[in-house]
């Protein structure tokens, strides 16, 4: 992480409560994530240039309080500042997944912010997009 930051890359967004970090959202151009490029379930649906939201962490005390949605809104702002036109997410769409295992986020949070489902590679893994 130190190497990434020192290179000038901003790999994500941090949420704070006063001075305490309470959440994290990873967002970069899709090409930055080799695992996505090789995924069967989350494979590219077209050749559009997209930025990808791939990971969240929200402190347990702050879960289910809108932090994920605020992180997504900040991620959209960050992507727009970097001239992105499309932001893509790969959340879980299942009521049976514990929060600790939903590190890609829940589809309901993406919907609240305005993301739309554009593809579904498995019953619980939609690809959702926000057009900036």
N, C-alpha and C. Protein backbone atom coordinates (compact mmCIF):
# COMPACT_ATOMS: atom_id res chain seq x y z
N UNK A 1 0.83 -1.19 0.00
CA UNK A 1 0.00 0.00 0.00
C UNK A 1 0.88 1.25 0.00
N UNK A 2 1.94 1.23 0.79
CA UNK A 2 2.84 2.39 0.84
C UNK A 2 3.42 2.69 -0.54
N UNK A 3 3.78 1.64 -1.28
CA UNK A 3 4.33 1.80 -2.63
C UNK A 3 3.29 2.42 -3.57
N UNK A 4 2.05 1.95 -3.43
CA UNK A 4 0.97 2.48 -4.28
C UNK A 4 0.77 3.97 -4.00
N UNK A 5 0.69 4.33 -2.74
CA UNK A 5 0.46 5.73 -2.37
C UNK A 5 1.62 6.61 -2.81
N UNK A 6 2.85 6.12 -2.60
CA UNK A 6 4.02 6.94 -2.97
C UNK A 6 4.13 7.12 -4.49
N UNK A 7 3.47 6.25 -5.26
CA UNK A 7 3.48 6.40 -6.72
C UNK A 7 2.53 7.50 -7.19
N UNK A 8 1.71 8.01 -6.29
CA UNK A 8 0.76 9.05 -6.66
C UNK A 8 -0.63 8.53 -6.94
N UNK A 9 -0.79 7.21 -6.95
CA UNK A 9 -2.10 6.60 -7.18
C UNK A 9 -2.95 6.74 -5.92
N UNK A 10 -4.21 7.07 -6.10
CA UNK A 10 -5.15 7.08 -4.97
C UNK A 10 -6.04 5.86 -5.16
N UNK A 11 -5.79 4.78 -4.39
CA UNK A 11 -6.49 3.53 -4.62
C UNK A 11 -7.87 3.42 -3.97
N UNK A 12 -8.32 4.48 -3.30
CA UNK A 12 -9.62 4.38 -2.68
C UNK A 12 -9.98 5.59 -1.86
N UNK A 13 -11.07 5.44 -1.12
CA UNK A 13 -11.66 6.51 -0.33
C UNK A 13 -11.72 6.04 1.12
N UNK A 14 -11.42 6.95 2.05
CA UNK A 14 -11.53 6.64 3.48
C UNK A 14 -12.63 7.51 4.07
N UNK A 15 -13.50 6.89 4.89
CA UNK A 15 -14.54 7.63 5.61
C UNK A 15 -14.07 7.86 7.04
N UNK A 16 -14.33 9.05 7.54
CA UNK A 16 -13.92 9.42 8.89
C UNK A 16 -15.13 9.84 9.72
N UNK A 17 -15.05 9.56 11.02
CA UNK A 17 -15.95 10.13 12.01
C UNK A 17 -15.05 11.02 12.86
N UNK A 18 -15.12 12.32 12.65
CA UNK A 18 -14.15 13.27 13.20
C UNK A 18 -12.78 12.87 12.68
N UNK A 19 -11.84 12.50 13.53
CA UNK A 19 -10.50 12.14 13.08
C UNK A 19 -10.29 10.63 12.97
N UNK A 20 -11.30 9.85 13.30
CA UNK A 20 -11.15 8.38 13.31
C UNK A 20 -11.62 7.78 11.99
N UNK A 21 -10.75 7.00 11.32
CA UNK A 21 -11.19 6.31 10.11
C UNK A 21 -12.20 5.23 10.47
N UNK A 22 -13.33 5.19 9.73
CA UNK A 22 -14.38 4.21 10.02
C UNK A 22 -14.76 3.37 8.81
N UNK A 23 -14.23 3.71 7.64
CA UNK A 23 -14.58 2.94 6.45
C UNK A 23 -13.61 3.16 5.31
N UNK A 24 -13.65 2.23 4.36
CA UNK A 24 -12.73 2.24 3.22
C UNK A 24 -13.48 1.71 2.01
N UNK A 25 -13.21 2.28 0.86
CA UNK A 25 -13.76 1.82 -0.41
C UNK A 25 -12.65 1.85 -1.45
N UNK A 26 -12.36 0.72 -2.08
CA UNK A 26 -11.34 0.65 -3.12
C UNK A 26 -11.97 0.96 -4.47
N UNK A 27 -11.38 1.90 -5.19
CA UNK A 27 -11.86 2.26 -6.53
C UNK A 27 -10.67 2.69 -7.39
N UNK A 28 -10.58 2.08 -8.56
CA UNK A 28 -9.56 2.41 -9.56
C UNK A 28 -10.10 1.95 -10.92
N UNK A 29 -9.40 2.29 -12.00
CA UNK A 29 -9.79 1.73 -13.29
C UNK A 29 -9.79 0.20 -13.23
N UNK A 30 -10.75 -0.40 -13.90
CA UNK A 30 -10.90 -1.86 -13.86
C UNK A 30 -9.60 -2.59 -14.17
N UNK A 31 -8.81 -2.05 -15.08
CA UNK A 31 -7.56 -2.70 -15.49
C UNK A 31 -6.59 -2.86 -14.32
N UNK A 32 -6.79 -2.10 -13.25
CA UNK A 32 -5.92 -2.19 -12.08
C UNK A 32 -6.14 -3.47 -11.29
N UNK A 33 -7.23 -4.16 -11.56
CA UNK A 33 -7.60 -5.35 -10.79
C UNK A 33 -7.52 -6.60 -11.67
N UNK A 34 -6.39 -7.27 -11.62
CA UNK A 34 -6.16 -8.45 -12.46
C UNK A 34 -7.19 -9.55 -12.21
N UNK A 35 -7.62 -9.72 -10.96
CA UNK A 35 -8.59 -10.77 -10.67
C UNK A 35 -9.92 -10.54 -11.40
N UNK A 36 -10.32 -9.29 -11.54
CA UNK A 36 -11.54 -8.99 -12.29
C UNK A 36 -11.37 -9.36 -13.76
N UNK A 37 -10.23 -9.02 -14.29
CA UNK A 37 -9.97 -9.29 -15.70
C UNK A 37 -10.03 -10.78 -16.02
N UNK A 38 -9.78 -11.62 -15.02
CA UNK A 38 -9.77 -13.07 -15.22
C UNK A 38 -10.98 -13.78 -14.63
N UNK A 39 -11.95 -13.03 -14.12
CA UNK A 39 -13.10 -13.62 -13.46
C UNK A 39 -14.12 -14.17 -14.46
N UNK A 40 -14.63 -15.34 -14.18
CA UNK A 40 -15.68 -15.93 -15.00
C UNK A 40 -17.03 -15.25 -14.71
N UNK A 41 -17.32 -15.02 -13.43
CA UNK A 41 -18.60 -14.45 -13.02
C UNK A 41 -18.66 -12.94 -13.27
N UNK A 42 -17.53 -12.26 -13.10
CA UNK A 42 -17.51 -10.80 -13.22
C UNK A 42 -16.76 -10.33 -14.46
N UNK A 43 -16.76 -11.16 -15.50
CA UNK A 43 -16.03 -10.80 -16.72
C UNK A 43 -16.64 -9.55 -17.36
N UNK A 44 -15.85 -8.91 -18.17
CA UNK A 44 -16.30 -7.70 -18.87
C UNK A 44 -17.57 -7.99 -19.67
N UNK A 45 -18.48 -7.03 -19.65
CA UNK A 45 -19.70 -7.19 -20.45
C UNK A 45 -19.61 -6.43 -21.76
N UNK A 46 -18.62 -5.54 -21.87
CA UNK A 46 -18.39 -4.79 -23.10
C UNK A 46 -16.98 -4.20 -23.04
N UNK A 47 -16.66 -3.36 -23.98
CA UNK A 47 -15.31 -2.79 -24.02
C UNK A 47 -15.25 -1.35 -23.52
N UNK A 48 -16.27 -0.93 -22.80
CA UNK A 48 -16.28 0.42 -22.24
C UNK A 48 -15.17 0.56 -21.19
N UNK A 49 -14.62 1.75 -21.09
CA UNK A 49 -13.66 2.05 -20.02
C UNK A 49 -14.46 2.29 -18.75
N UNK A 50 -14.22 1.48 -17.73
CA UNK A 50 -14.94 1.65 -16.47
C UNK A 50 -13.96 1.73 -15.30
N UNK A 51 -14.41 2.39 -14.27
CA UNK A 51 -13.73 2.36 -12.98
C UNK A 51 -14.50 1.37 -12.13
N UNK A 52 -13.80 0.63 -11.29
CA UNK A 52 -14.42 -0.43 -10.51
C UNK A 52 -14.32 -0.19 -9.02
N UNK A 53 -15.45 -0.34 -8.34
CA UNK A 53 -15.51 -0.35 -6.88
C UNK A 53 -15.46 -1.83 -6.50
N UNK A 54 -14.39 -2.24 -5.84
CA UNK A 54 -14.20 -3.68 -5.61
C UNK A 54 -14.20 -4.11 -4.16
N UNK A 55 -14.07 -3.19 -3.22
CA UNK A 55 -13.91 -3.62 -1.83
C UNK A 55 -14.34 -2.53 -0.87
N UNK A 56 -14.99 -2.96 0.20
CA UNK A 56 -15.36 -2.06 1.29
C UNK A 56 -14.90 -2.65 2.60
N UNK A 57 -14.62 -1.77 3.53
CA UNK A 57 -14.51 -2.15 4.93
C UNK A 57 -15.19 -1.04 5.71
N UNK A 58 -16.12 -1.42 6.57
CA UNK A 58 -16.77 -0.46 7.47
C UNK A 58 -16.66 -1.03 8.88
N UNK A 59 -16.14 -0.21 9.78
CA UNK A 59 -16.01 -0.61 11.18
C UNK A 59 -17.36 -1.12 11.69
N UNK A 60 -17.31 -2.18 12.46
CA UNK A 60 -18.52 -2.85 12.95
C UNK A 60 -19.50 -1.85 13.59
N UNK A 61 -19.00 -0.90 14.35
CA UNK A 61 -19.88 0.07 15.04
C UNK A 61 -20.61 1.00 14.07
N UNK A 62 -20.15 1.06 12.83
CA UNK A 62 -20.72 1.98 11.86
C UNK A 62 -21.52 1.29 10.76
N UNK A 63 -21.63 -0.02 10.82
CA UNK A 63 -22.38 -0.75 9.79
C UNK A 63 -23.88 -0.46 9.91
N UNK A 64 -24.54 -0.50 8.76
CA UNK A 64 -25.98 -0.25 8.65
C UNK A 64 -26.37 1.16 9.11
N UNK A 65 -25.43 2.09 8.90
CA UNK A 65 -25.68 3.49 9.25
C UNK A 65 -25.44 4.42 8.06
N UNK A 66 -25.37 3.85 6.85
CA UNK A 66 -25.22 4.67 5.66
C UNK A 66 -23.79 4.98 5.25
N UNK A 67 -22.82 4.39 5.93
CA UNK A 67 -21.41 4.67 5.59
C UNK A 67 -21.08 4.15 4.19
N UNK A 68 -21.57 2.98 3.84
CA UNK A 68 -21.29 2.43 2.51
C UNK A 68 -21.81 3.36 1.42
N UNK A 69 -23.02 3.87 1.60
CA UNK A 69 -23.59 4.78 0.62
C UNK A 69 -22.75 6.06 0.51
N UNK A 70 -22.30 6.59 1.63
CA UNK A 70 -21.45 7.79 1.61
C UNK A 70 -20.12 7.49 0.91
N UNK A 71 -19.55 6.31 1.16
CA UNK A 71 -18.32 5.92 0.47
C UNK A 71 -18.55 5.82 -1.03
N UNK A 72 -19.68 5.24 -1.44
CA UNK A 72 -19.99 5.14 -2.86
C UNK A 72 -20.13 6.53 -3.49
N UNK A 73 -20.81 7.43 -2.81
CA UNK A 73 -20.96 8.79 -3.33
C UNK A 73 -19.60 9.46 -3.50
N UNK A 74 -18.72 9.28 -2.51
CA UNK A 74 -17.38 9.86 -2.60
C UNK A 74 -16.57 9.20 -3.71
N UNK A 75 -16.77 7.90 -3.89
CA UNK A 75 -16.07 7.18 -4.97
C UNK A 75 -16.51 7.70 -6.34
N UNK A 76 -17.79 7.99 -6.49
CA UNK A 76 -18.29 8.55 -7.75
C UNK A 76 -17.67 9.92 -8.01
N UNK A 77 -17.57 10.73 -6.98
CA UNK A 77 -16.95 12.05 -7.12
C UNK A 77 -15.49 11.91 -7.52
N UNK A 78 -14.78 11.00 -6.86
CA UNK A 78 -13.37 10.75 -7.17
C UNK A 78 -13.20 10.29 -8.62
N UNK A 79 -14.04 9.36 -9.05
CA UNK A 79 -13.95 8.85 -10.42
C UNK A 79 -14.23 9.96 -11.43
N UNK A 80 -15.24 10.77 -11.15
CA UNK A 80 -15.59 11.87 -12.06
C UNK A 80 -14.43 12.86 -12.18
N UNK A 81 -13.78 13.17 -11.06
CA UNK A 81 -12.62 14.08 -11.08
C UNK A 81 -11.50 13.53 -11.94
N UNK A 82 -11.46 12.20 -12.06
CA UNK A 82 -10.43 11.53 -12.86
C UNK A 82 -10.93 11.19 -14.26
N UNK A 83 -12.02 11.86 -14.67
CA UNK A 83 -12.56 11.77 -16.02
C UNK A 83 -13.21 10.43 -16.37
N UNK A 84 -13.58 9.65 -15.35
CA UNK A 84 -14.31 8.41 -15.60
C UNK A 84 -15.71 8.75 -16.10
N UNK A 85 -16.25 7.89 -16.94
CA UNK A 85 -17.61 8.06 -17.44
C UNK A 85 -18.56 7.01 -16.85
N UNK A 86 -17.98 5.86 -16.47
CA UNK A 86 -18.78 4.76 -15.93
C UNK A 86 -18.07 4.21 -14.70
N UNK A 87 -18.84 3.98 -13.63
CA UNK A 87 -18.32 3.31 -12.44
C UNK A 87 -19.11 2.02 -12.28
N UNK A 88 -18.39 0.95 -12.06
CA UNK A 88 -18.98 -0.38 -11.98
C UNK A 88 -18.74 -0.96 -10.58
N UNK A 89 -19.72 -1.71 -10.07
CA UNK A 89 -19.59 -2.40 -8.80
C UNK A 89 -20.04 -3.84 -8.94
N UNK A 90 -19.61 -4.67 -7.99
CA UNK A 90 -19.84 -6.11 -8.07
C UNK A 90 -20.36 -6.62 -6.72
N UNK A 91 -21.48 -6.06 -6.25
CA UNK A 91 -21.95 -6.38 -4.90
C UNK A 91 -22.59 -7.75 -4.78
N UNK A 92 -22.87 -8.10 -3.54
CA UNK A 92 -23.61 -9.31 -3.21
C UNK A 92 -25.09 -8.94 -3.22
N UNK A 93 -25.93 -9.79 -3.80
CA UNK A 93 -27.37 -9.58 -3.78
C UNK A 93 -28.01 -10.80 -3.14
N UNK A 94 -27.88 -10.88 -1.83
CA UNK A 94 -28.40 -12.01 -1.07
C UNK A 94 -28.70 -11.55 0.35
N UNK A 95 -29.83 -11.97 0.87
CA UNK A 95 -30.19 -11.60 2.25
C UNK A 95 -29.48 -12.49 3.27
N UNK A 96 -28.86 -13.57 2.81
CA UNK A 96 -28.26 -14.54 3.73
C UNK A 96 -26.77 -14.36 3.94
N UNK A 97 -26.19 -13.29 3.44
CA UNK A 97 -24.75 -13.09 3.56
C UNK A 97 -24.46 -12.20 4.76
N UNK A 98 -23.69 -12.70 5.73
CA UNK A 98 -23.31 -11.85 6.87
C UNK A 98 -22.48 -10.66 6.40
N UNK A 99 -22.61 -9.54 7.09
CA UNK A 99 -21.90 -8.31 6.72
C UNK A 99 -20.40 -8.53 6.59
N UNK A 100 -19.83 -9.35 7.45
CA UNK A 100 -18.38 -9.57 7.43
C UNK A 100 -17.90 -10.21 6.13
N UNK A 101 -18.80 -10.88 5.40
CA UNK A 101 -18.42 -11.54 4.16
C UNK A 101 -18.84 -10.76 2.92
N UNK A 102 -19.42 -9.61 3.13
CA UNK A 102 -19.91 -8.80 2.00
C UNK A 102 -18.93 -7.67 1.70
N UNK A 103 -17.68 -8.02 1.55
CA UNK A 103 -16.65 -6.99 1.34
C UNK A 103 -16.77 -6.29 -0.01
N UNK A 104 -17.57 -6.82 -0.92
CA UNK A 104 -17.82 -6.12 -2.19
C UNK A 104 -19.05 -5.21 -2.10
N UNK A 105 -19.69 -5.19 -0.93
CA UNK A 105 -20.87 -4.36 -0.72
C UNK A 105 -22.15 -5.12 -1.01
N UNK A 106 -23.26 -4.54 -0.59
CA UNK A 106 -24.57 -5.11 -0.86
C UNK A 106 -25.24 -4.35 -2.00
N UNK A 107 -25.95 -5.07 -2.86
CA UNK A 107 -26.62 -4.46 -4.00
C UNK A 107 -27.59 -3.36 -3.56
N UNK A 108 -28.22 -3.52 -2.41
CA UNK A 108 -29.17 -2.51 -1.94
C UNK A 108 -28.50 -1.15 -1.74
N UNK A 109 -27.27 -1.13 -1.25
CA UNK A 109 -26.54 0.14 -1.08
C UNK A 109 -26.25 0.78 -2.43
N UNK A 110 -25.85 -0.04 -3.40
CA UNK A 110 -25.57 0.48 -4.74
C UNK A 110 -26.85 1.06 -5.35
N UNK A 111 -27.97 0.37 -5.18
CA UNK A 111 -29.24 0.86 -5.72
C UNK A 111 -29.62 2.21 -5.09
N UNK A 112 -29.43 2.34 -3.78
CA UNK A 112 -29.78 3.59 -3.09
C UNK A 112 -29.02 4.79 -3.67
N UNK A 113 -27.81 4.55 -4.13
CA UNK A 113 -26.97 5.63 -4.67
C UNK A 113 -27.27 5.88 -6.15
N UNK A 114 -27.99 4.96 -6.80
CA UNK A 114 -28.36 5.17 -8.20
C UNK A 114 -27.72 4.23 -9.20
N UNK A 115 -26.98 3.23 -8.74
CA UNK A 115 -26.42 2.24 -9.65
C UNK A 115 -27.55 1.38 -10.22
N UNK A 116 -27.38 0.94 -11.46
CA UNK A 116 -28.35 0.07 -12.12
C UNK A 116 -27.68 -1.25 -12.48
N UNK A 117 -28.42 -2.33 -12.32
CA UNK A 117 -27.89 -3.65 -12.71
C UNK A 117 -27.83 -3.73 -14.23
N UNK A 118 -26.68 -4.18 -14.75
CA UNK A 118 -26.50 -4.30 -16.19
C UNK A 118 -26.22 -5.73 -16.63
N UNK A 119 -25.88 -6.59 -15.67
CA UNK A 119 -25.58 -7.99 -16.00
C UNK A 119 -25.58 -8.79 -14.70
N UNK A 120 -25.84 -10.09 -14.83
CA UNK A 120 -25.78 -10.97 -13.67
C UNK A 120 -25.10 -12.26 -14.10
N UNK A 121 -23.88 -12.47 -13.59
CA UNK A 121 -23.10 -13.66 -13.94
C UNK A 121 -23.39 -14.85 -13.07
N UNK A 122 -24.09 -14.62 -11.95
CA UNK A 122 -24.52 -15.69 -11.06
C UNK A 122 -25.75 -15.18 -10.30
N UNK A 123 -26.49 -16.06 -9.64
CA UNK A 123 -27.71 -15.62 -8.97
C UNK A 123 -27.51 -14.52 -7.92
N UNK A 124 -26.34 -14.46 -7.30
CA UNK A 124 -26.12 -13.49 -6.23
C UNK A 124 -25.10 -12.40 -6.55
N UNK A 125 -24.58 -12.35 -7.78
CA UNK A 125 -23.51 -11.40 -8.11
C UNK A 125 -23.84 -10.56 -9.33
N UNK A 126 -24.58 -9.47 -9.14
CA UNK A 126 -24.84 -8.58 -10.26
C UNK A 126 -23.63 -7.71 -10.57
N UNK A 127 -23.57 -7.25 -11.80
CA UNK A 127 -22.66 -6.17 -12.17
C UNK A 127 -23.55 -4.94 -12.27
N UNK A 128 -23.20 -3.90 -11.51
CA UNK A 128 -24.02 -2.69 -11.47
C UNK A 128 -23.19 -1.51 -11.95
N UNK A 129 -23.85 -0.59 -12.64
CA UNK A 129 -23.15 0.57 -13.19
C UNK A 129 -23.84 1.88 -12.81
N UNK A 130 -22.98 2.88 -12.73
CA UNK A 130 -23.44 4.26 -12.56
C UNK A 130 -22.80 5.05 -13.69
N UNK A 131 -23.63 5.73 -14.48
CA UNK A 131 -23.13 6.52 -15.60
C UNK A 131 -22.99 7.97 -15.14
N UNK A 132 -21.76 8.46 -15.17
CA UNK A 132 -21.47 9.82 -14.70
C UNK A 132 -21.81 10.86 -15.76
